[in-house]
Amino acid sequence: MSDVMIEVISIAVVDMLFFGLVFLMLSKVKPRKLDSSVFYILSYIAVNAIGVGISMSLLPDLKLIFTSVVILLVAFFMFGMDIKRGVLYGIVLMLIGILNDLLATSMMMLINDTTFSVILGDPQHQLFVSFTNCLLILFSYLLVNTFISKRESITVKLGELAMFILLAVLEIFVIVEYSLNLTDPADNYKLLMMHIGFMMLDMYFITSINRMADINDAKLENRLLQKQNEIQLAHYVELEKNYSESRKIIHDIKKHLAILSELAGEEPEKARQYRKMIEDDVDSLAGGFTCTNKILAIIMSQKIAAAEAQGIEVSTDIEDISFDFMRDMDITSIFANLWDNAIEACERSVIKHITVSMEQRGGFILINFKNTYDGKVIKSSKGFKSTKDGHRGVGLTIIRGTVEKYGGLLNMEAGSTDFSVEITLPVPV
């Protein structure tokens, strides 16, 4: 295989990964504007073919202009971004590309103690630069995904970055050692095959990470859906119970009115007591939490009823907030788990009390849950863990992940008798 062919292939691999990074990054912040997958595939192939041709012309300024134009066209026409966001992401992606080129070349110069002009004239050096550039592009994807994607906690994402860095260092070590023992220039194709093999391994690693994240998301969503169904079922059972009770009261209303009329004339005090009893029965049917968001109303009603059924005193000061920017599943994951944790903590406390407050202040929603508990806590690096046997604080982990998904903050404080959870959620403009 000639040196020219090796150079073309190595450039093509770098361009494919970089423009793939462009498409993936933009797709994470904005849905595709067009439905035709064929158009996107053909455009991707055309862009890479033109990019390789320009790279072979040895005109770096032209390649820079071409790459900038492609990124802006993709942002504007394929993803329908406005000018401000399109230019912003274009600048970020161009900086990533330029920095990757500089870092890859600098690493080659540092490892082999050579100059830039020597690298340009040595196919082996160019192969190493291309390979390092590919690694940096994949690392850039993982790094950007850490800040853009909201599927996982930041700790999990940093762990993925650390694993990829370890894998990349091992691959670079193998490549360098193999290159030092490669004396025949005609065998450069072997080095190219090794590069491509490592790239396929790295891409499989990243694909596996995304696949595992999808599986974990599906499992979590199924658990939340089951919890939501249980809450709704309990709510509907309570509604059916209230409906049956209301029918009984309606059925006996004439009897109640007759008795009330007789007592009013003969025993006014008993009449007032009897009237109060009827009003209490009617009020009990009209009970329940009401707000604009139906899912939140069901969760709050069911959990308040469950807490009071266990002898827990509940106090609420809640502003009516629509939460229209949140998915129903995420509302369930936050509020259902907050309630479950508070109720479980009160079960082990002599004094049983839960206070819930919620308000919108400026561009933020402030949520506060405070409950009594037995004073026993287990601290961890992220805050606190469950003290129940067999529990690992999964509820708090789910709450934290959901809050972080919407760019919010979670703060927990443990006093001697009270445990509080404070959540701050920004309201999208």
Protein backbone atom coordinates (compact mmCIF):
# COMPACT_ATOMS: atom_id res chain seq x y z
CA MET A 1 0.00 0.00 0.00
CA SER A 2 1.51 3.36 -1.07
CA ASP A 3 2.19 6.20 1.34
CA VAL A 4 -0.33 8.38 -0.51
CA MET A 5 -3.09 5.81 -0.05
CA ILE A 6 -2.24 5.44 3.64
CA GLU A 7 -2.39 9.22 4.01
CA VAL A 8 -5.79 9.41 2.26
CA ILE A 9 -7.24 6.69 4.49
CA SER A 10 -5.89 8.24 7.70
CA ILE A 11 -7.27 11.67 6.75
CA ALA A 12 -10.62 10.12 5.84
CA VAL A 13 -10.84 8.39 9.23
CA VAL A 14 -10.12 11.65 11.07
CA ASP A 15 -12.67 13.59 8.99
CA MET A 16 -15.32 10.91 9.42
CA LEU A 17 -14.93 10.99 13.19
CA PHE A 18 -14.86 14.79 13.39
CA PHE A 19 -17.92 15.37 11.21
CA GLY A 20 -19.59 12.50 13.03
CA LEU A 21 -18.89 14.42 16.26
CA VAL A 22 -20.53 17.49 14.68
CA PHE A 23 -23.70 15.57 13.81
CA LEU A 24 -23.89 13.82 17.20
CA MET A 25 -23.30 16.97 19.23
CA LEU A 26 -25.90 19.00 17.37
CA SER A 27 -28.43 16.15 17.53
CA LYS A 28 -28.13 16.12 21.34
CA VAL A 29 -29.14 19.76 21.67
CA LYS A 30 -31.65 20.00 18.80
CA PRO A 31 -33.82 17.42 16.99
CA ARG A 32 -33.20 16.85 13.30
CA LYS A 33 -35.11 19.25 11.08
CA LEU A 34 -35.53 16.84 8.16
CA ASP A 35 -37.02 13.35 8.29
CA SER A 36 -35.01 11.81 5.44
CA SER A 37 -32.16 9.70 6.85
CA VAL A 38 -30.90 9.10 3.31
CA PHE A 39 -30.29 12.83 2.87
CA TYR A 40 -28.23 12.97 6.07
CA ILE A 41 -26.17 9.91 5.07
CA LEU A 42 -25.46 11.23 1.56
CA SER A 43 -24.57 14.66 2.95
CA TYR A 44 -22.21 13.04 5.45
CA ILE A 45 -20.45 11.04 2.72
CA ALA A 46 -20.18 14.10 0.45
CA VAL A 47 -18.75 16.29 3.19
CA ASN A 48 -16.10 13.69 4.05
CA ALA A 49 -15.13 13.19 0.41
CA ILE A 50 -14.71 16.92 -0.17
CA GLY A 51 -12.84 17.26 3.13
CA VAL A 52 -10.30 14.58 2.15
CA GLY A 53 -9.76 16.26 -1.22
CA ILE A 54 -9.10 19.62 0.40
CA SER A 55 -6.76 18.05 2.97
CA MET A 56 -4.72 16.43 0.20
CA SER A 57 -4.36 19.83 -1.49
CA LEU A 58 -2.22 20.94 1.49
CA LEU A 59 -4.20 24.17 1.91
CA PRO A 60 -4.94 24.36 5.65
CA ASP A 61 -6.69 27.74 5.38
CA LEU A 62 -9.11 26.34 2.80
CA LYS A 63 -9.80 23.30 5.01
CA LEU A 64 -10.51 25.59 7.96
CA ILE A 65 -12.97 27.67 5.92
CA PHE A 66 -14.63 24.54 4.51
CA THR A 67 -15.05 22.98 7.96
CA SER A 68 -16.51 26.20 9.39
CA VAL A 69 -19.01 26.53 6.53
CA VAL A 70 -20.06 22.87 6.85
CA ILE A 71 -20.69 23.18 10.60
CA LEU A 72 -22.81 26.31 10.14
CA LEU A 73 -24.80 24.78 7.26
CA VAL A 74 -25.47 21.64 9.28
CA ALA A 75 -26.56 23.70 12.31
CA PHE A 76 -28.84 26.04 10.33
CA PHE A 77 -30.38 23.81 7.67
CA MET A 78 -30.22 20.27 9.08
CA PHE A 79 -31.05 21.08 12.69
CA GLY A 80 -32.89 24.39 12.31
CA MET A 81 -30.85 26.32 14.89
CA ASP A 82 -31.11 30.08 15.19
CA ILE A 83 -28.11 32.17 14.18
CA LYS A 84 -26.91 32.81 17.74
CA ARG A 85 -26.91 29.15 18.82
CA GLY A 86 -25.60 27.95 15.46
CA VAL A 87 -22.61 30.30 15.58
CA LEU A 88 -21.95 29.44 19.24
CA TYR A 89 -21.87 25.69 18.60
CA GLY A 90 -19.90 26.28 15.42
CA ILE A 91 -17.20 28.12 17.36
CA VAL A 92 -17.09 25.40 20.03
CA LEU A 93 -16.75 22.63 17.44
CA MET A 94 -14.09 24.50 15.48
CA LEU A 95 -12.09 25.09 18.65
CA ILE A 96 -12.35 21.38 19.45
CA GLY A 97 -11.04 20.50 15.98
CA ILE A 98 -8.17 22.99 16.10
CA LEU A 99 -7.13 22.06 19.64
CA ASN A 100 -7.20 18.36 18.77
CA ASP A 101 -4.89 18.96 15.78
CA LEU A 102 -2.49 20.99 17.90
CA LEU A 103 -2.47 18.46 20.75
CA ALA A 104 -1.96 15.48 18.44
CA THR A 105 0.95 17.16 16.64
CA SER A 106 2.50 18.37 19.90
CA MET A 107 2.34 14.86 21.37
CA MET A 108 4.17 13.48 18.33
CA MET A 109 6.84 16.18 18.58
CA LEU A 110 7.25 15.54 22.31
CA ILE A 111 7.41 11.73 22.11
CA ASN A 112 9.89 11.60 19.21
CA ASP A 113 11.72 14.86 19.96
CA THR A 114 11.18 16.04 16.40
CA THR A 115 9.93 19.09 14.48
CA PHE A 116 6.73 19.86 12.61
CA SER A 117 8.46 19.74 9.20
CA VAL A 118 9.83 16.26 9.95
CA ILE A 119 6.34 15.04 10.89
CA LEU A 120 4.93 16.25 7.56
CA GLY A 121 7.54 14.24 5.66
CA ASP A 122 7.25 11.00 7.64
CA PRO A 123 4.24 8.71 6.98
CA GLN A 124 4.66 6.93 10.32
CA HIS A 125 4.58 10.22 12.19
CA GLN A 126 1.52 11.34 10.25
CA LEU A 127 -0.22 8.07 11.08
CA PHE A 128 0.45 8.58 14.77
CA VAL A 129 -0.86 12.16 14.59
CA SER A 130 -4.01 10.94 12.83
CA PHE A 131 -4.53 8.19 15.40
CA THR A 132 -4.03 10.57 18.32
CA ASN A 133 -6.38 13.05 16.67
CA CYS A 134 -9.04 10.32 16.44
CA LEU A 135 -8.62 9.50 20.12
CA LEU A 136 -8.97 13.17 21.02
CA ILE A 137 -12.13 13.47 18.90
CA LEU A 138 -13.70 10.50 20.67
CA PHE A 139 -12.61 11.92 24.03
CA SER A 140 -14.13 15.28 23.04
CA TYR A 141 -17.41 13.53 22.31
CA LEU A 142 -17.44 11.91 25.75
CA LEU A 143 -16.41 15.17 27.42
CA VAL A 144 -19.07 17.24 25.66
CA ASN A 145 -21.63 14.51 26.33
CA THR A 146 -20.81 14.83 30.03
CA PHE A 147 -22.12 18.40 30.04
CA ILE A 148 -24.88 18.14 27.40
CA SER A 149 -26.48 14.78 28.14
CA LYS A 150 -28.68 14.63 31.25
CA ARG A 151 -29.31 10.92 31.38
CA GLU A 152 -26.79 9.94 34.02
CA SER A 153 -25.21 11.45 37.10
CA ILE A 154 -21.95 13.36 36.72
CA THR A 155 -20.09 10.70 38.73
CA VAL A 156 -21.00 7.97 36.24
CA LYS A 157 -19.92 10.14 33.31
CA LEU A 158 -16.58 10.99 34.91
CA GLY A 159 -16.01 7.27 35.45
CA GLU A 160 -16.62 6.67 31.75
CA LEU A 161 -14.11 9.40 30.87
CA ALA A 162 -11.50 7.86 33.18
CA MET A 163 -11.98 4.41 31.62
CA PHE A 164 -11.59 5.84 28.10
CA ILE A 165 -8.44 7.75 29.07
CA LEU A 166 -6.92 4.54 30.46
CA LEU A 167 -7.81 2.67 27.27
CA ALA A 168 -6.36 5.46 25.10
CA VAL A 169 -3.07 5.54 27.04
CA LEU A 170 -2.66 1.77 26.61
CA GLU A 171 -3.35 2.04 22.88
CA ILE A 172 -0.85 4.87 22.42
CA PHE A 173 1.76 2.85 24.32
CA VAL A 174 1.21 -0.14 22.01
CA ILE A 175 1.33 2.05 18.88
CA VAL A 176 4.57 3.76 19.94
CA GLU A 177 6.27 0.47 20.85
CA TYR A 178 5.19 -1.11 17.56
CA SER A 179 6.35 1.93 15.55
CA LEU A 180 9.82 1.79 17.10
CA ASN A 181 10.24 -1.80 15.88
CA LEU A 182 8.86 -1.08 12.40
CA THR A 183 11.90 -0.57 10.17
CA ASP A 184 10.48 -1.24 6.69
CA PRO A 185 8.38 1.70 5.36
CA ALA A 186 6.48 -0.81 3.21
CA ASP A 187 4.94 -2.17 6.40
CA ASN A 188 3.25 1.12 7.27
CA TYR A 189 -0.05 -0.41 6.20
CA LYS A 190 0.20 -2.72 9.22
CA LEU A 191 0.39 0.34 11.43
CA LEU A 192 -2.66 1.76 9.65
CA MET A 193 -4.60 -1.47 10.24
CA MET A 194 -3.66 -1.32 13.90
CA HIS A 195 -4.92 2.27 14.06
CA ILE A 196 -8.23 1.33 12.46
CA GLY A 197 -8.58 -1.70 14.74
CA PHE A 198 -8.06 0.44 17.84
CA MET A 199 -10.56 3.00 16.53
CA MET A 200 -13.15 0.28 16.07
CA LEU A 201 -12.47 -0.91 19.63
CA ASP A 202 -12.85 2.63 20.99
CA MET A 203 -16.08 3.21 19.07
CA TYR A 204 -17.42 -0.11 20.36
CA PHE A 205 -16.53 1.01 23.89
CA ILE A 206 -18.46 4.27 23.48
CA THR A 207 -21.38 2.50 21.80
CA SER A 208 -21.53 0.01 24.67
CA ILE A 209 -21.58 2.87 27.18
CA ASN A 210 -24.50 4.50 25.37
CA ARG A 211 -26.31 1.17 25.12
CA MET A 212 -25.91 0.48 28.84
CA ALA A 213 -27.16 4.00 29.57
CA ASP A 214 -30.22 3.33 27.41
CA ILE A 215 -30.87 0.05 29.26
CA ASN A 216 -30.54 1.76 32.65
CA ASP A 217 -32.87 4.53 31.47
CA ALA A 218 -35.44 1.95 30.38
CA LYS A 219 -35.22 0.10 33.72
CA LEU A 220 -35.58 3.34 35.68
CA GLU A 221 -38.50 4.46 33.53
CA ASN A 222 -40.24 1.12 34.07
CA ARG A 223 -39.82 1.45 37.85
CA LEU A 224 -41.15 4.99 37.77
CA LEU A 225 -44.06 3.96 35.56
CA GLN A 226 -44.92 1.16 37.98
CA LYS A 227 -44.72 3.58 40.93
CA GLN A 228 -46.88 6.08 39.05
CA ASN A 229 -49.45 3.40 38.24
CA GLU A 230 -49.55 2.31 41.90
CA ILE A 231 -50.10 5.91 43.02
CA GLN A 232 -52.84 6.46 40.45
CA LEU A 233 -54.52 3.16 41.37
CA ALA A 234 -54.53 4.10 45.06
CA HIS A 235 -55.93 7.50 44.11
CA TYR A 236 -58.72 5.97 42.04
CA VAL A 237 -59.55 3.51 44.85
CA GLU A 238 -59.85 6.50 47.19
CA LEU A 239 -62.08 8.29 44.67
CA GLU A 240 -64.30 5.21 44.42
CA LYS A 241 -64.51 5.05 48.20
CA ASN A 242 -65.48 8.73 48.37
CA TYR A 243 -68.05 8.20 45.62
CA SER A 244 -69.65 5.35 47.57
CA GLU A 245 -69.70 7.43 50.74
CA SER A 246 -71.23 10.38 48.89
CA ARG A 247 -74.01 8.16 47.56
CA LYS A 248 -74.78 7.03 51.10
CA ILE A 249 -75.00 10.63 52.31
CA ILE A 250 -77.18 11.65 49.35
CA HIS A 251 -79.39 8.63 49.94
CA ASP A 252 -79.88 9.60 53.61
CA ILE A 253 -79.99 13.37 53.13
CA LYS A 254 -83.79 13.59 53.60
CA LYS A 255 -83.53 11.65 56.86
CA HIS A 256 -80.73 13.92 58.06
CA LEU A 257 -82.73 17.04 57.21
CA ALA A 258 -85.81 15.70 59.01
CA ILE A 259 -83.81 14.91 62.16
CA LEU A 260 -82.06 18.29 61.97
CA SER A 261 -85.42 20.07 61.66
CA GLU A 262 -86.82 18.32 64.74
CA LEU A 263 -83.70 18.98 66.82
CA ALA A 264 -83.58 22.65 65.80
CA GLY A 265 -86.91 23.29 67.45
CA GLU A 266 -86.46 21.19 70.59
CA GLU A 267 -82.70 20.89 71.26
CA PRO A 268 -80.68 23.61 69.44
CA GLU A 269 -77.34 22.45 70.86
CA LYS A 270 -77.80 18.88 69.62
CA ALA A 271 -78.94 20.33 66.28
CA ARG A 272 -75.65 22.26 65.95
CA GLN A 273 -73.67 19.13 66.80
CA TYR A 274 -75.64 17.06 64.30
CA ARG A 275 -75.12 19.71 61.62
CA LYS A 276 -71.38 19.76 62.35
CA MET A 277 -71.27 15.98 61.95
CA ILE A 278 -72.94 16.21 58.53
CA GLU A 279 -70.56 19.00 57.44
CA ASP A 280 -67.53 16.95 58.52
CA ASP A 281 -68.75 13.99 56.48
CA VAL A 282 -69.22 16.21 53.42
CA ASP A 283 -65.81 17.87 53.92
CA SER A 284 -64.12 14.49 54.09
CA LEU A 285 -65.46 13.70 50.63
CA ALA A 286 -64.20 16.98 49.19
CA GLY A 287 -60.72 16.48 50.63
CA GLY A 288 -57.57 15.96 48.61
CA PHE A 289 -54.83 18.09 47.13
CA THR A 290 -55.67 20.13 44.05
CA CYS A 291 -53.36 21.96 41.64
CA THR A 292 -52.90 22.65 37.93
CA ASN A 293 -50.63 19.66 37.30
CA LYS A 294 -52.80 16.52 37.44
CA ILE A 295 -49.94 14.07 38.10
CA LEU A 296 -48.63 16.19 40.97
CA ALA A 297 -52.17 16.51 42.39
CA ILE A 298 -52.60 12.72 42.39
CA ILE A 299 -49.18 12.11 43.99
CA MET A 300 -49.72 14.73 46.69
CA SER A 301 -53.27 13.57 47.47
CA GLN A 302 -52.32 9.90 47.71
CA LYS A 303 -49.15 10.47 49.74
CA ILE A 304 -50.81 12.92 52.15
CA ALA A 305 -53.58 10.37 52.74
CA ALA A 306 -51.00 7.58 53.21
CA ALA A 307 -49.03 9.66 55.73
CA GLU A 308 -52.10 10.66 57.73
CA ALA A 309 -53.28 7.03 57.76
CA GLN A 310 -50.03 6.19 59.60
CA GLY A 311 -50.61 8.89 62.21
CA ILE A 312 -48.22 11.39 60.63
CA GLU A 313 -49.14 15.05 60.93
CA VAL A 314 -48.77 16.80 57.55
CA SER A 315 -48.39 20.56 56.98
CA THR A 316 -48.30 22.02 53.46
CA ASP A 317 -47.67 25.49 52.07
CA ILE A 318 -47.66 24.91 48.32
CA GLU A 319 -47.95 27.39 45.49
CA ASP A 320 -49.80 26.21 42.38
CA ILE A 321 -47.04 25.57 39.81
CA SER A 322 -47.78 23.89 36.47
CA PHE A 323 -44.40 22.10 35.98
CA ASP A 324 -45.21 22.05 32.26
CA PHE A 325 -41.49 21.85 31.41
CA MET A 326 -41.10 18.48 33.17
CA ARG A 327 -42.08 14.99 32.05
CA ASP A 328 -44.69 13.18 34.15
CA MET A 329 -42.13 10.46 34.92
CA ASP A 330 -39.69 13.02 36.29
CA ILE A 331 -42.37 14.65 38.45
CA THR A 332 -43.12 11.19 39.83
CA SER A 333 -39.44 10.40 40.43
CA ILE A 334 -38.95 13.57 42.49
CA PHE A 335 -42.14 13.91 44.52
CA ALA A 336 -43.05 10.23 45.02
CA ASN A 337 -39.54 9.43 46.26
CA LEU A 338 -39.45 12.51 48.49
CA TRP A 339 -42.73 11.46 50.08
CA ASP A 340 -41.68 7.81 50.43
CA ASN A 341 -38.42 8.80 52.14
CA ALA A 342 -40.19 11.22 54.49
CA ILE A 343 -42.90 8.70 55.45
CA GLU A 344 -40.34 5.92 56.03
CA ALA A 345 -38.27 8.24 58.25
CA CYS A 346 -41.32 9.21 60.32
CA GLU A 347 -42.14 5.54 60.91
CA ARG A 348 -38.98 5.26 63.04
CA SER A 349 -39.59 8.54 64.89
CA VAL A 350 -41.56 9.11 68.10
CA ILE A 351 -42.78 12.50 66.84
CA LYS A 352 -44.25 12.11 63.37
CA HIS A 353 -44.48 15.27 61.28
CA ILE A 354 -43.89 16.20 57.64
CA THR A 355 -43.77 19.78 56.34
CA VAL A 356 -43.87 20.46 52.59
CA SER A 357 -43.44 23.88 51.02
CA MET A 358 -43.10 24.93 47.39
CA GLU A 359 -42.94 28.30 45.69
CA GLN A 360 -41.69 29.97 42.54
CA ARG A 361 -39.30 32.82 43.20
CA GLY A 362 -38.00 34.67 40.17
CA GLY A 363 -36.83 32.10 37.65
CA PHE A 364 -36.56 29.25 40.16
CA ILE A 365 -38.86 26.74 41.83
CA LEU A 366 -38.01 26.09 45.48
CA ILE A 367 -39.15 22.76 46.98
CA ASN A 368 -38.62 21.88 50.63
CA PHE A 369 -39.46 18.63 52.44
CA LYS A 370 -38.83 18.47 56.19
CA ASN A 371 -39.64 15.45 58.32
CA THR A 372 -38.92 14.18 61.81
CA TYR A 373 -36.67 11.10 62.14
CA ASP A 374 -34.83 9.04 64.73
CA GLY A 375 -31.59 11.02 64.37
CA LYS A 376 -29.65 8.17 62.76
CA VAL A 377 -27.95 8.99 59.43
CA ILE A 378 -25.27 7.42 57.27
CA LYS A 379 -23.18 10.01 55.44
CA SER A 380 -21.66 9.38 52.01
CA SER A 381 -19.67 11.36 49.46
CA LYS A 382 -22.95 12.50 47.86
CA GLY A 383 -24.82 13.29 51.06
CA PHE A 384 -26.70 10.56 52.93
CA LYS A 385 -27.63 6.89 52.52
CA SER A 386 -30.67 4.97 53.68
CA THR A 387 -30.45 3.45 57.17
CA LYS A 388 -32.98 0.71 56.36
CA ASP A 389 -31.68 -2.83 56.02
CA GLY A 390 -31.16 -3.78 52.38
CA HIS A 391 -31.62 -0.22 51.13
CA ARG A 392 -28.86 1.74 49.41
CA GLY A 393 -30.46 5.15 49.10
CA VAL A 394 -31.74 4.47 45.58
CA GLY A 395 -34.59 6.95 46.08
CA LEU A 396 -32.19 9.80 46.81
CA THR A 397 -30.04 8.79 43.84
CA ILE A 398 -33.07 8.94 41.53
CA ILE A 399 -34.09 12.32 42.96
CA ARG A 400 -30.59 13.72 42.52
CA GLY A 401 -30.30 12.43 38.95
CA THR A 402 -33.66 13.90 37.98
CA VAL A 403 -32.89 17.26 39.58
CA GLU A 404 -29.52 17.41 37.79
CA LYS A 405 -31.29 16.52 34.53
CA TYR A 406 -33.11 19.85 34.71
CA GLY A 407 -30.05 21.79 35.87
CA GLY A 408 -31.24 21.98 39.46
CA LEU A 409 -29.57 21.71 42.85
CA LEU A 410 -30.26 19.26 45.68
CA ASN A 411 -29.29 20.01 49.27
CA MET A 412 -29.86 17.77 52.30
CA GLU A 413 -29.47 18.70 55.96
CA ALA A 414 -29.74 16.42 58.99
CA GLY A 415 -30.53 17.98 62.36
CA SER A 416 -30.93 16.21 65.67
CA THR A 417 -34.66 15.56 65.12
CA ASP A 418 -35.45 16.92 61.63
CA PHE A 419 -34.22 15.92 58.19
CA SER A 420 -34.75 18.36 55.30
CA VAL A 421 -34.35 18.15 51.54
CA GLU A 422 -34.21 21.36 49.52
CA ILE A 423 -34.50 21.39 45.74
CA THR A 424 -33.93 24.38 43.47
CA LEU A 425 -35.11 24.00 39.87
CA PRO A 426 -34.56 26.66 37.20
CA VAL A 427 -37.66 27.47 35.14
CA PRO A 428 -36.86 27.40 31.40
CA VAL A 429 -37.47 30.70 29.66
